[in-house]
């Protein structure tokens, strides 16, 4: 699948897969000055790109495991969704769960983007709970299978 991209910051490379088996495309921080994220704080980080996602697909923004395990830094709204009709700049909400200040540098790989097919649904409203499919789990929720 081809996705059109407008690079707002020509000095940064286009997002790319970092290995042949990678599912996510790494996104770069398109910032002029370093941004410090204090422990417990979050910041919006621009990537310097706009994309045109084909209808029927979405882009999901996901954390980079290296930032999470080494620094406690992750994407706040994981996964973040970019809808097919959004044409603004892709931005990442990074949060620092670590114990030290985290410094985002220009060109740093801050997140990854995965493209997924989206299935549209319609609701078929019913009048009673008995009209929903009955399952063994049924309404068992949080922790219903034990620890």
N, C-alpha and C. Protein backbone atom coordinates (compact mmCIF):
# COMPACT_ATOMS: atom_id res chain seq x y z
N UNK A 1 0.85 -1.17 0.00
CA UNK A 1 0.00 0.00 0.00
C UNK A 1 0.89 1.24 0.00
N UNK A 2 0.54 2.20 -0.78
CA UNK A 2 1.28 3.46 -0.81
C UNK A 2 0.52 4.50 -0.01
N UNK A 3 1.27 5.28 0.77
CA UNK A 3 0.71 6.37 1.56
C UNK A 3 1.46 7.63 1.16
N UNK A 4 0.73 8.64 0.73
CA UNK A 4 1.36 9.91 0.38
C UNK A 4 1.80 10.63 1.65
N UNK A 5 2.98 11.24 1.59
CA UNK A 5 3.53 11.93 2.75
C UNK A 5 4.06 13.29 2.30
N UNK A 6 3.79 14.30 3.11
CA UNK A 6 4.35 15.63 2.91
C UNK A 6 5.34 15.85 4.03
N UNK A 7 6.60 16.01 3.65
CA UNK A 7 7.65 16.23 4.64
C UNK A 7 7.75 17.73 4.92
N UNK A 8 7.38 18.14 6.12
CA UNK A 8 7.42 19.55 6.51
C UNK A 8 8.83 19.98 6.88
N UNK A 9 9.64 19.02 7.26
CA UNK A 9 11.02 19.26 7.70
C UNK A 9 11.94 18.44 6.79
N UNK A 10 12.43 19.06 5.74
CA UNK A 10 13.23 18.35 4.72
C UNK A 10 14.58 17.88 5.24
N UNK A 11 15.01 18.39 6.40
CA UNK A 11 16.32 17.98 6.94
C UNK A 11 16.24 16.65 7.70
N UNK A 12 15.04 16.19 7.97
CA UNK A 12 14.87 14.88 8.60
C UNK A 12 14.52 13.84 7.55
N UNK A 13 14.93 12.59 7.74
CA UNK A 13 14.58 11.55 6.76
C UNK A 13 13.09 11.23 6.82
N UNK A 14 12.60 10.63 5.76
CA UNK A 14 11.24 10.12 5.80
C UNK A 14 11.17 9.01 6.85
N UNK A 15 10.01 8.85 7.48
CA UNK A 15 9.86 7.72 8.40
C UNK A 15 10.17 6.42 7.66
N UNK A 16 10.74 5.45 8.39
CA UNK A 16 11.10 4.20 7.71
C UNK A 16 11.08 3.03 8.69
N UNK A 17 10.98 1.85 8.09
CA UNK A 17 11.11 0.61 8.84
C UNK A 17 12.59 0.42 9.15
N UNK A 18 12.90 0.02 10.38
CA UNK A 18 14.29 -0.13 10.78
C UNK A 18 14.83 -1.54 10.58
N UNK A 19 13.96 -2.48 10.23
CA UNK A 19 14.40 -3.83 9.88
C UNK A 19 13.39 -4.44 8.91
N UNK A 20 13.78 -5.49 8.25
CA UNK A 20 12.90 -6.14 7.27
C UNK A 20 11.62 -6.66 7.90
N UNK A 21 11.68 -7.12 9.14
CA UNK A 21 10.50 -7.68 9.80
C UNK A 21 9.72 -6.71 10.66
N UNK A 22 10.12 -5.45 10.66
CA UNK A 22 9.45 -4.46 11.51
C UNK A 22 8.01 -4.22 11.06
N UNK A 23 7.11 -4.11 12.01
CA UNK A 23 5.71 -3.79 11.73
C UNK A 23 5.48 -2.28 11.72
N UNK A 24 6.26 -1.57 12.54
CA UNK A 24 6.08 -0.14 12.70
C UNK A 24 7.15 0.67 11.99
N UNK A 25 6.74 1.82 11.50
CA UNK A 25 7.63 2.78 10.86
C UNK A 25 8.04 3.78 11.94
N UNK A 26 9.33 4.00 12.12
CA UNK A 26 9.80 4.93 13.15
C UNK A 26 9.55 6.37 12.74
N UNK A 27 9.10 7.17 13.71
CA UNK A 27 8.83 8.59 13.51
C UNK A 27 9.86 9.42 14.27
N UNK A 28 10.26 10.52 13.67
CA UNK A 28 11.32 11.38 14.21
C UNK A 28 10.76 12.63 14.86
N UNK A 29 11.45 13.14 15.87
CA UNK A 29 11.08 14.40 16.51
C UNK A 29 11.52 15.56 15.63
N UNK A 30 10.57 16.33 15.17
CA UNK A 30 10.86 17.50 14.33
C UNK A 30 10.76 18.75 15.20
N UNK A 31 11.83 19.00 15.95
CA UNK A 31 11.85 20.13 16.89
C UNK A 31 13.11 20.95 16.64
N UNK A 32 13.04 22.24 16.97
CA UNK A 32 14.20 23.12 16.79
C UNK A 32 15.15 23.02 17.97
N UNK A 33 14.59 22.98 19.17
CA UNK A 33 15.37 22.91 20.41
C UNK A 33 14.98 21.65 21.16
N UNK A 34 15.89 21.11 21.98
CA UNK A 34 15.52 19.94 22.80
C UNK A 34 14.32 20.26 23.70
N UNK A 35 13.50 19.24 23.94
CA UNK A 35 12.35 19.36 24.83
C UNK A 35 12.58 18.45 26.02
N UNK A 36 12.50 19.01 27.23
CA UNK A 36 12.66 18.23 28.45
C UNK A 36 11.29 17.81 28.95
N UNK A 37 11.19 16.53 29.30
CA UNK A 37 9.95 16.00 29.89
C UNK A 37 10.28 15.54 31.30
N UNK A 38 9.73 16.23 32.28
CA UNK A 38 9.96 15.88 33.68
C UNK A 38 9.24 14.58 34.02
N UNK A 39 9.69 13.85 35.03
CA UNK A 39 8.98 12.66 35.47
C UNK A 39 7.52 12.99 35.77
N UNK A 40 6.62 12.18 35.25
CA UNK A 40 5.18 12.39 35.45
C UNK A 40 4.56 13.39 34.50
N UNK A 41 5.36 14.04 33.66
CA UNK A 41 4.85 15.05 32.73
C UNK A 41 4.75 14.47 31.33
N UNK A 42 4.03 15.17 30.46
CA UNK A 42 3.92 14.76 29.06
C UNK A 42 4.03 15.98 28.16
N UNK A 43 4.47 15.74 26.92
CA UNK A 43 4.65 16.82 25.94
C UNK A 43 4.19 16.33 24.56
N UNK A 44 3.73 17.27 23.76
CA UNK A 44 3.34 16.99 22.38
C UNK A 44 4.55 17.22 21.48
N UNK A 45 4.95 16.17 20.76
CA UNK A 45 6.15 16.21 19.94
C UNK A 45 5.76 16.13 18.45
N UNK A 46 6.05 17.17 17.67
CA UNK A 46 5.75 17.11 16.24
C UNK A 46 6.72 16.19 15.50
N UNK A 47 6.23 15.59 14.42
CA UNK A 47 7.07 14.68 13.62
C UNK A 47 7.52 15.27 12.30
N UNK A 48 6.96 16.40 11.91
CA UNK A 48 7.37 17.03 10.65
C UNK A 48 6.80 16.38 9.41
N UNK A 49 5.73 15.59 9.56
CA UNK A 49 5.08 14.99 8.39
C UNK A 49 3.57 15.12 8.46
N UNK A 50 2.97 15.19 7.28
CA UNK A 50 1.52 15.03 7.10
C UNK A 50 1.35 13.85 6.17
N UNK A 51 0.30 13.05 6.39
CA UNK A 51 0.10 11.87 5.55
C UNK A 51 -1.33 11.81 5.03
N UNK A 52 -1.51 11.07 3.96
CA UNK A 52 -2.81 10.86 3.35
C UNK A 52 -3.08 9.35 3.38
N UNK A 53 -3.82 8.92 4.38
CA UNK A 53 -4.10 7.50 4.57
C UNK A 53 -5.31 7.11 3.71
N UNK A 54 -5.20 6.03 2.96
CA UNK A 54 -6.34 5.61 2.15
C UNK A 54 -7.56 5.28 3.02
N UNK A 55 -8.75 5.57 2.49
CA UNK A 55 -9.98 5.24 3.21
C UNK A 55 -10.02 3.73 3.48
N UNK A 56 -10.49 3.36 4.65
CA UNK A 56 -10.54 1.95 5.03
C UNK A 56 -9.33 1.53 5.85
N UNK A 57 -8.43 2.48 6.11
CA UNK A 57 -7.23 2.22 6.92
C UNK A 57 -7.10 3.29 7.99
N UNK A 58 -6.29 3.02 8.97
CA UNK A 58 -5.90 3.98 10.00
C UNK A 58 -4.42 3.80 10.24
N UNK A 59 -3.80 4.79 10.85
CA UNK A 59 -2.43 4.65 11.34
C UNK A 59 -2.52 4.65 12.86
N UNK A 60 -1.83 3.70 13.49
CA UNK A 60 -1.77 3.65 14.94
C UNK A 60 -0.40 4.11 15.39
N UNK A 61 -0.38 4.99 16.38
CA UNK A 61 0.87 5.47 16.95
C UNK A 61 1.15 4.66 18.20
N UNK A 62 2.32 4.04 18.23
CA UNK A 62 2.68 3.15 19.33
C UNK A 62 4.04 3.54 19.90
N UNK A 63 4.29 3.15 21.15
CA UNK A 63 5.58 3.47 21.78
C UNK A 63 6.73 2.70 21.14
N UNK A 64 7.92 3.19 21.37
CA UNK A 64 9.14 2.44 21.04
C UNK A 64 9.57 1.71 22.31
N UNK A 65 9.78 0.42 22.20
CA UNK A 65 10.10 -0.39 23.38
C UNK A 65 11.40 0.04 24.04
N UNK A 66 12.38 0.48 23.26
CA UNK A 66 13.65 0.91 23.82
C UNK A 66 13.50 2.12 24.73
N UNK A 67 12.67 3.08 24.34
CA UNK A 67 12.44 4.25 25.19
C UNK A 67 11.70 3.85 26.47
N UNK A 68 10.79 2.89 26.34
CA UNK A 68 10.03 2.46 27.51
C UNK A 68 10.91 1.73 28.52
N UNK A 69 11.70 0.78 28.05
CA UNK A 69 12.48 -0.04 28.98
C UNK A 69 13.69 0.71 29.54
N UNK A 70 14.30 1.59 28.76
CA UNK A 70 15.50 2.30 29.21
C UNK A 70 15.19 3.56 30.02
N UNK A 71 14.08 4.24 29.67
CA UNK A 71 13.82 5.55 30.27
C UNK A 71 12.43 5.68 30.91
N UNK A 72 11.55 4.71 30.70
CA UNK A 72 10.18 4.83 31.21
C UNK A 72 9.34 5.81 30.42
N UNK A 73 9.71 6.02 29.15
CA UNK A 73 9.00 6.98 28.29
C UNK A 73 8.14 6.20 27.30
N UNK A 74 6.88 6.61 27.18
CA UNK A 74 5.95 5.91 26.31
C UNK A 74 4.99 6.90 25.66
N UNK A 75 4.11 6.40 24.82
CA UNK A 75 3.08 7.23 24.18
C UNK A 75 1.86 7.22 25.09
N UNK A 76 1.35 8.41 25.42
CA UNK A 76 0.28 8.53 26.41
C UNK A 76 -1.01 7.85 25.97
N UNK A 77 -1.47 8.10 24.77
CA UNK A 77 -2.74 7.52 24.32
C UNK A 77 -2.47 6.34 23.39
N UNK A 78 -1.96 5.28 23.96
CA UNK A 78 -1.53 4.13 23.17
C UNK A 78 -2.66 3.16 22.92
N UNK A 79 -2.92 2.69 21.69
CA UNK A 79 -2.35 3.32 20.51
C UNK A 79 -3.14 4.57 20.13
N UNK A 80 -2.42 5.58 19.70
CA UNK A 80 -3.08 6.77 19.15
C UNK A 80 -3.58 6.44 17.76
N UNK A 81 -4.72 6.97 17.40
CA UNK A 81 -5.32 6.69 16.10
C UNK A 81 -5.25 7.91 15.20
N UNK A 82 -4.77 7.71 13.98
CA UNK A 82 -4.83 8.74 12.96
C UNK A 82 -5.84 8.25 11.93
N UNK A 83 -6.95 8.96 11.82
CA UNK A 83 -8.01 8.58 10.90
C UNK A 83 -7.64 8.89 9.46
N UNK A 84 -8.31 8.20 8.54
CA UNK A 84 -7.97 8.36 7.12
C UNK A 84 -8.29 9.75 6.58
N UNK A 85 -9.13 10.51 7.25
CA UNK A 85 -9.47 11.84 6.75
C UNK A 85 -8.71 12.96 7.46
N UNK A 86 -7.76 12.63 8.34
CA UNK A 86 -6.95 13.65 9.01
C UNK A 86 -5.78 14.06 8.11
N UNK A 87 -5.57 15.36 7.98
CA UNK A 87 -4.49 15.85 7.12
C UNK A 87 -3.54 16.81 7.85
N UNK A 88 -3.63 16.89 9.14
CA UNK A 88 -2.73 17.74 9.90
C UNK A 88 -1.41 17.03 10.16
N UNK A 89 -0.50 17.73 10.81
CA UNK A 89 0.80 17.16 11.14
C UNK A 89 0.63 16.03 12.17
N UNK A 90 1.35 14.96 11.97
CA UNK A 90 1.36 13.86 12.93
C UNK A 90 2.17 14.31 14.14
N UNK A 91 1.56 14.22 15.32
CA UNK A 91 2.23 14.60 16.56
C UNK A 91 2.08 13.47 17.57
N UNK A 92 3.06 13.36 18.45
CA UNK A 92 3.13 12.27 19.41
C UNK A 92 3.02 12.85 20.81
N UNK A 93 2.17 12.24 21.66
CA UNK A 93 2.10 12.64 23.06
C UNK A 93 3.00 11.69 23.85
N UNK A 94 4.18 12.18 24.22
CA UNK A 94 5.11 11.38 25.02
C UNK A 94 4.91 11.69 26.49
N UNK A 95 4.94 10.64 27.33
CA UNK A 95 4.86 10.80 28.78
C UNK A 95 6.07 10.12 29.41
N UNK A 96 6.57 10.74 30.44
CA UNK A 96 7.75 10.23 31.14
C UNK A 96 7.32 9.59 32.47
N UNK A 97 7.30 8.27 32.50
CA UNK A 97 7.02 7.53 33.73
C UNK A 97 8.31 7.19 34.47
N UNK A 98 9.44 7.63 33.92
CA UNK A 98 10.73 7.35 34.53
C UNK A 98 11.00 8.23 35.74
N UNK A 99 12.18 8.06 36.31
CA UNK A 99 12.56 8.81 37.52
C UNK A 99 13.43 10.02 37.21
N UNK A 100 13.91 10.13 35.97
CA UNK A 100 14.80 11.22 35.56
C UNK A 100 14.14 12.05 34.47
N UNK A 101 14.59 13.29 34.31
CA UNK A 101 14.15 14.13 33.19
C UNK A 101 14.57 13.44 31.90
N UNK A 102 13.66 13.39 30.93
CA UNK A 102 13.97 12.81 29.62
C UNK A 102 14.07 13.95 28.61
N UNK A 103 15.14 13.97 27.84
CA UNK A 103 15.35 15.04 26.86
C UNK A 103 15.12 14.49 25.45
N UNK A 104 14.14 15.07 24.77
CA UNK A 104 13.87 14.74 23.37
C UNK A 104 14.75 15.63 22.51
N UNK A 105 15.55 15.02 21.66
CA UNK A 105 16.47 15.74 20.77
C UNK A 105 15.90 15.73 19.35
N UNK A 106 16.28 16.73 18.58
CA UNK A 106 15.89 16.79 17.17
C UNK A 106 16.35 15.53 16.45
N UNK A 107 15.45 14.93 15.68
CA UNK A 107 15.78 13.74 14.90
C UNK A 107 15.70 12.44 15.68
N UNK A 108 15.41 12.50 16.98
CA UNK A 108 15.28 11.29 17.79
C UNK A 108 14.05 10.50 17.32
N UNK A 109 14.17 9.19 17.28
CA UNK A 109 13.03 8.34 16.96
C UNK A 109 12.17 8.22 18.22
N UNK A 110 10.95 8.77 18.17
CA UNK A 110 10.13 8.91 19.37
C UNK A 110 8.94 7.96 19.45
N UNK A 111 8.54 7.39 18.35
CA UNK A 111 7.38 6.49 18.33
C UNK A 111 7.42 5.70 17.03
N UNK A 112 6.46 4.79 16.91
CA UNK A 112 6.34 4.07 15.65
C UNK A 112 4.89 4.13 15.18
N UNK A 113 4.72 3.99 13.87
CA UNK A 113 3.40 4.09 13.25
C UNK A 113 3.13 2.79 12.49
N UNK A 114 1.97 2.18 12.80
CA UNK A 114 1.56 0.94 12.17
C UNK A 114 0.25 1.19 11.45
N UNK A 115 0.15 0.73 10.22
CA UNK A 115 -1.07 0.91 9.44
C UNK A 115 -1.95 -0.33 9.56
N UNK A 116 -3.25 -0.10 9.80
CA UNK A 116 -4.20 -1.19 10.02
C UNK A 116 -5.45 -0.97 9.18
N UNK A 117 -6.02 -2.08 8.71
CA UNK A 117 -7.29 -2.03 8.03
C UNK A 117 -8.40 -1.79 9.05
N UNK A 118 -9.38 -0.99 8.67
CA UNK A 118 -10.50 -0.66 9.56
C UNK A 118 -11.78 -1.22 8.95
N UNK A 119 -12.49 -1.97 9.74
CA UNK A 119 -13.78 -2.52 9.30
C UNK A 119 -14.89 -1.64 9.85
N UNK A 120 -15.71 -1.07 9.00
CA UNK A 120 -16.85 -0.24 9.43
C UNK A 120 -17.99 -1.16 9.83
N UNK A 121 -18.69 -0.79 10.89
CA UNK A 121 -19.81 -1.59 11.37
C UNK A 121 -21.07 -0.73 11.39
N UNK A 122 -22.19 -1.40 11.51
CA UNK A 122 -23.45 -0.73 11.80
C UNK A 122 -24.04 -1.42 13.02
N UNK A 123 -24.78 -0.69 13.82
CA UNK A 123 -25.39 -1.26 15.01
C UNK A 123 -26.77 -1.82 14.67
N UNK A 124 -27.07 -2.98 15.24
CA UNK A 124 -28.39 -3.59 15.16
C UNK A 124 -28.94 -3.58 16.58
N UNK A 125 -29.70 -2.55 16.91
CA UNK A 125 -30.16 -2.37 18.28
C UNK A 125 -31.21 -3.42 18.65
N UNK A 126 -31.03 -3.99 19.86
CA UNK A 126 -31.99 -4.96 20.38
C UNK A 126 -32.67 -4.36 21.62
N UNK A 127 -33.77 -4.95 22.02
CA UNK A 127 -34.57 -4.41 23.12
C UNK A 127 -34.29 -5.06 24.47
N UNK A 128 -33.60 -6.21 24.47
CA UNK A 128 -33.41 -6.92 25.73
C UNK A 128 -32.06 -7.64 25.70
N UNK A 129 -31.44 -7.77 26.87
CA UNK A 129 -30.14 -8.43 26.99
C UNK A 129 -30.16 -9.86 26.48
N UNK A 130 -31.27 -10.53 26.60
CA UNK A 130 -31.40 -11.92 26.15
C UNK A 130 -31.21 -12.04 24.64
N UNK A 131 -31.38 -10.92 23.93
CA UNK A 131 -31.23 -10.93 22.47
C UNK A 131 -29.76 -10.83 22.05
N UNK A 132 -28.85 -10.62 23.02
CA UNK A 132 -27.41 -10.64 22.71
C UNK A 132 -26.96 -12.09 22.72
N UNK A 133 -25.90 -12.40 21.98
CA UNK A 133 -25.37 -13.76 21.99
C UNK A 133 -24.92 -14.11 23.40
N UNK A 134 -25.30 -15.30 23.87
CA UNK A 134 -24.90 -15.78 25.19
C UNK A 134 -23.58 -16.53 25.04
N UNK A 135 -22.61 -16.21 25.94
CA UNK A 135 -21.31 -16.88 25.92
C UNK A 135 -21.01 -17.45 27.30
N UNK A 136 -20.04 -18.31 27.38
CA UNK A 136 -19.62 -18.86 28.68
C UNK A 136 -19.15 -17.73 29.60
N UNK A 137 -18.40 -16.78 29.07
CA UNK A 137 -17.92 -15.65 29.87
C UNK A 137 -19.07 -14.72 30.24
N UNK A 138 -19.93 -14.46 29.29
CA UNK A 138 -21.06 -13.56 29.40
C UNK A 138 -20.64 -12.19 29.91
N UNK A 139 -21.05 -11.76 31.10
CA UNK A 139 -20.69 -10.40 31.55
C UNK A 139 -19.52 -10.38 32.52
N UNK A 140 -18.78 -11.49 32.59
CA UNK A 140 -17.58 -11.51 33.45
C UNK A 140 -16.58 -10.51 32.94
N UNK A 141 -16.11 -9.63 33.81
CA UNK A 141 -15.20 -8.56 33.39
C UNK A 141 -13.87 -8.62 34.08
N UNK A 142 -13.41 -7.49 34.52
CA UNK A 142 -12.08 -7.29 35.09
C UNK A 142 -11.73 -8.36 36.13
N UNK A 143 -10.76 -9.18 35.81
CA UNK A 143 -10.26 -10.18 36.75
C UNK A 143 -11.14 -11.41 36.88
N UNK A 144 -12.08 -11.59 35.99
CA UNK A 144 -13.03 -12.72 36.14
C UNK A 144 -12.37 -14.09 36.01
N UNK A 145 -11.19 -14.16 35.42
CA UNK A 145 -10.51 -15.46 35.28
C UNK A 145 -9.49 -15.70 36.38
N UNK A 146 -9.40 -14.78 37.33
CA UNK A 146 -8.44 -14.92 38.42
C UNK A 146 -7.14 -14.21 38.11
N UNK A 147 -6.15 -14.46 38.99
CA UNK A 147 -4.86 -13.80 38.83
C UNK A 147 -3.90 -14.69 38.08
